Amino acid sequence: MVNETKLFERLDRMTKLIGIMATQEKNFREKVKLLSEIGLSPSEIAEITGKTVNFVNVTKHGLKKKNG
């Protein structure tokens, strides 16, 4: 039986993989928008995209500002 910690580790890896696959052909702003919409935190988005959390947050702010 898989213990709870290993299960969460596997789910975390799967989430990252799906995030990478879903945003492969998108620019960074589109990636941030999509990953935010599916509920990932800025730190999770930063890890998936290889950018800093601050850069993700600035991008999210720009998206909010653009959309009013």
Protein backbone atom coordinates (compact mmCIF):
# COMPACT_ATOMS: atom_id res chain seq x y z
CA MET A 1 0.00 0.00 0.00
CA VAL A 2 1.28 3.47 -0.92
CA ASN A 3 1.63 5.72 2.08
CA GLU A 4 0.07 9.17 2.12
CA THR A 5 3.35 11.06 1.65
CA LYS A 6 4.28 9.10 -1.47
CA LEU A 7 0.78 9.60 -2.85
CA PHE A 8 1.04 13.37 -2.44
CA GLU A 9 4.51 13.37 -4.01
CA ARG A 10 3.16 11.48 -7.03
CA LEU A 11 0.20 13.83 -7.35
CA ASP A 12 2.56 16.81 -7.17
CA ARG A 13 4.73 15.39 -9.97
CA MET A 14 1.68 14.64 -12.09
CA THR A 15 0.32 18.16 -11.60
CA LYS A 16 3.63 19.67 -12.71
CA LEU A 17 3.81 17.40 -15.74
CA ILE A 18 0.27 18.25 -16.79
CA GLY A 19 1.03 21.95 -16.33
CA ILE A 20 4.10 21.68 -18.54
CA MET A 21 2.25 19.74 -21.20
CA ALA A 22 -0.78 22.04 -21.20
CA THR A 23 1.31 25.17 -21.66
CA GLN A 24 4.05 23.89 -23.94
CA GLU A 25 3.17 26.04 -26.96
CA LYS A 26 2.14 29.14 -25.02
CA ASN A 27 4.03 32.30 -24.16
CA PHE A 28 4.75 33.08 -20.51
CA ARG A 29 1.73 35.33 -19.94
CA GLU A 30 -0.60 32.68 -21.40
CA LYS A 31 1.04 30.04 -19.20
CA VAL A 32 0.53 32.12 -16.07
CA LYS A 33 -3.09 32.82 -16.99
CA LEU A 34 -3.94 29.18 -17.70
CA LEU A 35 -2.13 27.75 -14.68
CA SER A 36 -3.71 30.37 -12.41
CA GLU A 37 -7.15 29.59 -13.78
CA ILE A 38 -6.75 25.92 -12.91
CA GLY A 39 -5.87 26.87 -9.36
CA LEU A 40 -2.09 26.64 -9.12
CA SER A 41 -0.33 28.99 -6.72
CA PRO A 42 2.35 31.43 -7.88
CA SER A 43 5.04 29.23 -6.32
CA GLU A 44 3.74 26.18 -8.22
CA ILE A 45 3.63 28.18 -11.45
CA ALA A 46 7.17 29.42 -10.85
CA GLU A 47 8.41 25.89 -10.34
CA ILE A 48 6.72 24.66 -13.53
CA THR A 49 7.91 27.57 -15.67
CA GLY A 50 11.38 27.99 -14.19
CA LYS A 51 10.74 31.64 -13.29
CA THR A 52 10.75 33.34 -9.90
CA VAL A 53 7.63 33.68 -7.78
CA ASN A 54 8.03 37.46 -8.00
CA PHE A 55 8.06 37.33 -11.80
CA VAL A 56 4.92 35.20 -11.78
CA ASN A 57 3.20 37.63 -9.39
CA VAL A 58 4.16 40.63 -11.52
CA THR A 59 2.81 38.86 -14.60
CA LYS A 60 -0.44 37.98 -12.80
CA HIS A 61 -0.80 41.62 -11.73
CA GLY A 62 -0.28 42.74 -15.33
CA LEU A 63 -2.96 40.31 -16.49
CA LYS A 64 -5.42 41.62 -13.90
CA LYS A 65 -4.62 45.22 -14.84
CA LYS A 66 -5.08 44.48 -18.56
CA ASN A 67 -8.44 42.78 -17.96
CA GLY A 68 -9.63 45.61 -15.75
